[in-house]
Amino acid sequence: MGENDRWHHKPVYTEIVHRAHSHGLAGASVIRGIEGYGASSRIHTNRLLSLSEDLPLAVIIVDVEERIRAFLPQINELVTEGLVIIDHVEVIRYIGRPSGDRG
C-alpha cells in the first residue's frame, strides 16, 4: 500500500495496526519503503520530488496462522489496493520490554 492510502481520513496503516492490537495479535510493524512499484507499475521513490509523496509501505503482522487468518476480513475491508500475503516464519526469539521501560 502507499502512505497516502486513507480509511475515514486516517492512514490505512494506522487503522490496521490499531485493529491488530485490539484483536490481541502478537505484533505489528509498519515499514516505509524508499522505492517500489506494484500492480499499477508506477515507480514511487524518494529520489523524485513529484513521486515522493506516496512511498510504499509494508504492514507486517506476526501471530499464529489461525489468528492471522481470522484477522483477514479486517484487512480485506481496509486494503482496497495492494498485496496481502501470508508467509510462514520461524520465530527464534520474542521477548518484550518490562512494562515500565520505555527506552
C-alpha atoms as a PDB file:
ATOM      1  CA  MET A   1       0.000   0.000   0.000  1.00  0.00           C
ATOM      2  CA  GLY A   2       1.052   3.626  -0.170  1.00  0.00           C
ATOM      3  CA  GLU A   3       1.468   6.050   2.680  1.00  0.00           C
ATOM      4  CA  ASN A   4      -1.328   8.234   1.251  1.00  0.00           C
ATOM      5  CA  ASP A   5      -3.958   5.467   1.416  1.00  0.00           C
ATOM      6  CA  ARG A   6      -6.745   6.536   3.789  1.00  0.00           C
ATOM      7  CA  TRP A   7      -9.553   4.986   5.830  1.00  0.00           C
ATOM      8  CA  HIS A   8     -12.024   7.548   7.179  1.00  0.00           C
ATOM      9  CA  HIS A   9      -9.405  10.339   6.932  1.00  0.00           C
ATOM     10  CA  LYS A  10      -6.759   8.276   8.776  1.00  0.00           C
ATOM     11  CA  PRO A  11      -3.837   6.395   7.246  1.00  0.00           C
ATOM     12  CA  VAL A  12      -4.798   2.793   6.409  1.00  0.00           C
ATOM     13  CA  TYR A  13      -1.601   1.516   8.039  1.00  0.00           C
ATOM     14  CA  THR A  14      -2.571   3.181  11.331  1.00  0.00           C
ATOM     15  CA  GLU A  15      -6.013   1.581  11.242  1.00  0.00           C
ATOM     16  CA  ILE A  16      -4.518  -1.850  10.511  1.00  0.00           C
ATOM     17  CA  VAL A  17      -2.030  -1.597  13.402  1.00  0.00           C
ATOM     18  CA  HIS A  18      -4.701  -0.411  15.856  1.00  0.00           C
ATOM     19  CA  ARG A  19      -7.138  -3.147  14.797  1.00  0.00           C
ATOM     20  CA  ALA A  20      -4.403  -5.795  15.081  1.00  0.00           C
ATOM     21  CA  HIS A  21      -3.635  -4.529  18.583  1.00  0.00           C
ATOM     22  CA  SER A  22      -7.343  -4.564  19.525  1.00  0.00           C
ATOM     23  CA  HIS A  23      -7.607  -8.155  18.289  1.00  0.00           C
ATOM     24  CA  GLY A  24      -4.721  -9.155  20.551  1.00  0.00           C
ATOM     25  CA  LEU A  25      -2.359 -10.155  17.757  1.00  0.00           C
ATOM     26  CA  ALA A  26       1.258 -10.684  18.833  1.00  0.00           C
ATOM     27  CA  GLY A  27       2.777  -7.739  16.961  1.00  0.00           C
ATOM     28  CA  ALA A  28       2.534  -5.330  14.054  1.00  0.00           C
ATOM     29  CA  SER A  29       5.067  -3.040  12.381  1.00  0.00           C
ATOM     30  CA  VAL A  30       4.898  -0.573   9.506  1.00  0.00           C
ATOM     31  CA  ILE A  31       7.922  -0.363   7.239  1.00  0.00           C
ATOM     32  CA  ARG A  32       8.342   2.559   4.846  1.00  0.00           C
ATOM     33  CA  GLY A  33       9.958   1.752   1.527  1.00  0.00           C
ATOM     34  CA  ILE A  34      12.305   4.143  -0.203  1.00  0.00           C
ATOM     35  CA  GLU A  35      11.372   2.906  -3.656  1.00  0.00           C
ATOM     36  CA  GLY A  36       8.983   0.453  -5.236  1.00  0.00           C
ATOM     37  CA  TYR A  37       6.090  -0.298  -7.574  1.00  0.00           C
ATOM     38  CA  GLY A  38       3.064  -2.513  -7.522  1.00  0.00           C
ATOM     39  CA  ALA A  39       0.159  -3.525  -9.732  1.00  0.00           C
ATOM     40  CA  SER A  40      -0.061  -0.033 -11.253  1.00  0.00           C
ATOM     41  CA  SER A  41       3.593  -0.306 -12.431  1.00  0.00           C
ATOM     42  CA  ARG A  42       4.145   3.299 -11.340  1.00  0.00           C
ATOM     43  CA  ILE A  43       7.508   3.660  -9.573  1.00  0.00           C
ATOM     44  CA  HIS A  44       7.368   5.513  -6.265  1.00  0.00           C
ATOM     45  CA  THR A  45      10.683   6.806  -4.973  1.00  0.00           C
ATOM     46  CA  ASN A  46      12.029   9.380  -2.563  1.00  0.00           C
ATOM     47  CA  ARG A  47      14.529  10.498  -5.215  1.00  0.00           C
ATOM     48  CA  LEU A  48      11.988  12.195  -7.473  1.00  0.00           C
ATOM     49  CA  LEU A  49      10.168  15.164  -5.999  1.00  0.00           C
ATOM     50  CA  SER A  50       6.951  14.564  -7.923  1.00  0.00           C
ATOM     51  CA  LEU A  51       6.552  10.985  -6.643  1.00  0.00           C
ATOM     52  CA  SER A  52       7.933  11.296  -3.122  1.00  0.00           C
ATOM     53  CA  GLU A  53       4.547  11.914  -1.508  1.00  0.00           C
ATOM     54  CA  ASP A  54       3.200   8.364  -1.671  1.00  0.00           C
ATOM     55  CA  LEU A  55       6.023   5.991  -0.785  1.00  0.00           C
ATOM     56  CA  PRO A  56       5.293   2.263  -0.470  1.00  0.00           C
ATOM     57  CA  LEU A  57       4.538   0.776   2.932  1.00  0.00           C
ATOM     58  CA  ALA A  58       4.507  -2.763   4.268  1.00  0.00           C
ATOM     59  CA  VAL A  59       2.497  -3.669   7.342  1.00  0.00           C
ATOM     60  CA  ILE A  60       3.841  -6.818   8.956  1.00  0.00           C
ATOM     61  CA  ILE A  61       1.646  -8.626  11.458  1.00  0.00           C
ATOM     62  CA  VAL A  62       3.002 -11.552  13.450  1.00  0.00           C
ATOM     63  CA  ASP A  63       0.960 -14.258  15.140  1.00  0.00           C
ATOM     64  CA  VAL A  64      -0.002 -17.879  14.600  1.00  0.00           C
ATOM     65  CA  GLU A  65      -1.599 -18.663  11.246  1.00  0.00           C
ATOM     66  CA  GLU A  66      -5.102 -19.266  12.609  1.00  0.00           C
ATOM     67  CA  ARG A  67      -5.224 -15.856  14.298  1.00  0.00           C
ATOM     68  CA  ILE A  68      -3.872 -14.125  11.179  1.00  0.00           C
ATOM     69  CA  ARG A  69      -6.476 -15.861   9.007  1.00  0.00           C
ATOM     70  CA  ALA A  70      -9.217 -14.816  11.442  1.00  0.00           C
ATOM     71  CA  PHE A  71      -7.991 -11.213  11.065  1.00  0.00           C
ATOM     72  CA  LEU A  72      -8.067 -11.278   7.226  1.00  0.00           C
ATOM     73  CA  PRO A  73     -11.649  -9.887   6.947  1.00  0.00           C
ATOM     74  CA  GLN A  74     -10.352  -6.729   8.657  1.00  0.00           C
ATOM     75  CA  ILE A  75      -7.537  -6.487   6.112  1.00  0.00           C
ATOM     76  CA  ASN A  76      -9.930  -7.075   3.220  1.00  0.00           C
ATOM     77  CA  GLU A  77     -12.113  -4.235   4.456  1.00  0.00           C
ATOM     78  CA  LEU A  78      -9.199  -1.798   4.715  1.00  0.00           C
ATOM     79  CA  VAL A  79      -6.870  -2.690   1.832  1.00  0.00           C
ATOM     80  CA  THR A  80      -8.511  -1.776  -1.464  1.00  0.00           C
ATOM     81  CA  GLU A  81      -5.251  -1.664  -3.410  1.00  0.00           C
ATOM     82  CA  GLY A  82      -2.090  -3.558  -2.580  1.00  0.00           C
ATOM     83  CA  LEU A  83      -0.749  -7.012  -1.857  1.00  0.00           C
ATOM     84  CA  VAL A  84      -1.691  -9.240   1.079  1.00  0.00           C
ATOM     85  CA  ILE A  85       0.357 -12.356   1.763  1.00  0.00           C
ATOM     86  CA  ILE A  86       0.693 -14.962   4.483  1.00  0.00           C
ATOM     87  CA  ASP A  87       4.185 -16.304   4.914  1.00  0.00           C
ATOM     88  CA  HIS A  88       5.395 -18.943   7.349  1.00  0.00           C
ATOM     89  CA  VAL A  89       8.229 -17.744   9.579  1.00  0.00           C
ATOM     90  CA  GLU A  90      10.198 -19.386  12.324  1.00  0.00           C
ATOM     91  CA  VAL A  91      10.284 -17.173  15.414  1.00  0.00           C
ATOM     92  CA  ILE A  92      13.628 -17.542  17.140  1.00  0.00           C
ATOM     93  CA  ARG A  93      13.083 -15.028  19.909  1.00  0.00           C
ATOM     94  CA  TYR A  94      10.124 -12.899  21.046  1.00  0.00           C
ATOM     95  CA  ILE A  95      10.732 -11.003  24.273  1.00  0.00           C
ATOM     96  CA  GLY A  96       9.027  -7.774  25.320  1.00  0.00           C
ATOM     97  CA  ARG A  97      10.341  -4.994  27.489  1.00  0.00           C
ATOM     98  CA  PRO A  98       9.248  -4.692  31.102  1.00  0.00           C
ATOM     99  CA  SER A  99       6.069  -2.572  31.183  1.00  0.00           C
ATOM    100  CA  GLY A 100       7.758   0.452  32.815  1.00  0.00           C
ATOM    101  CA  ASP A 101      10.767   0.528  30.432  1.00  0.00           C
ATOM    102  CA  ARG A 102      10.218   2.930  27.506  1.00  0.00           C
ATOM    103  CA  GLY A 103      13.874   3.309  26.433  1.00  0.00           C
END
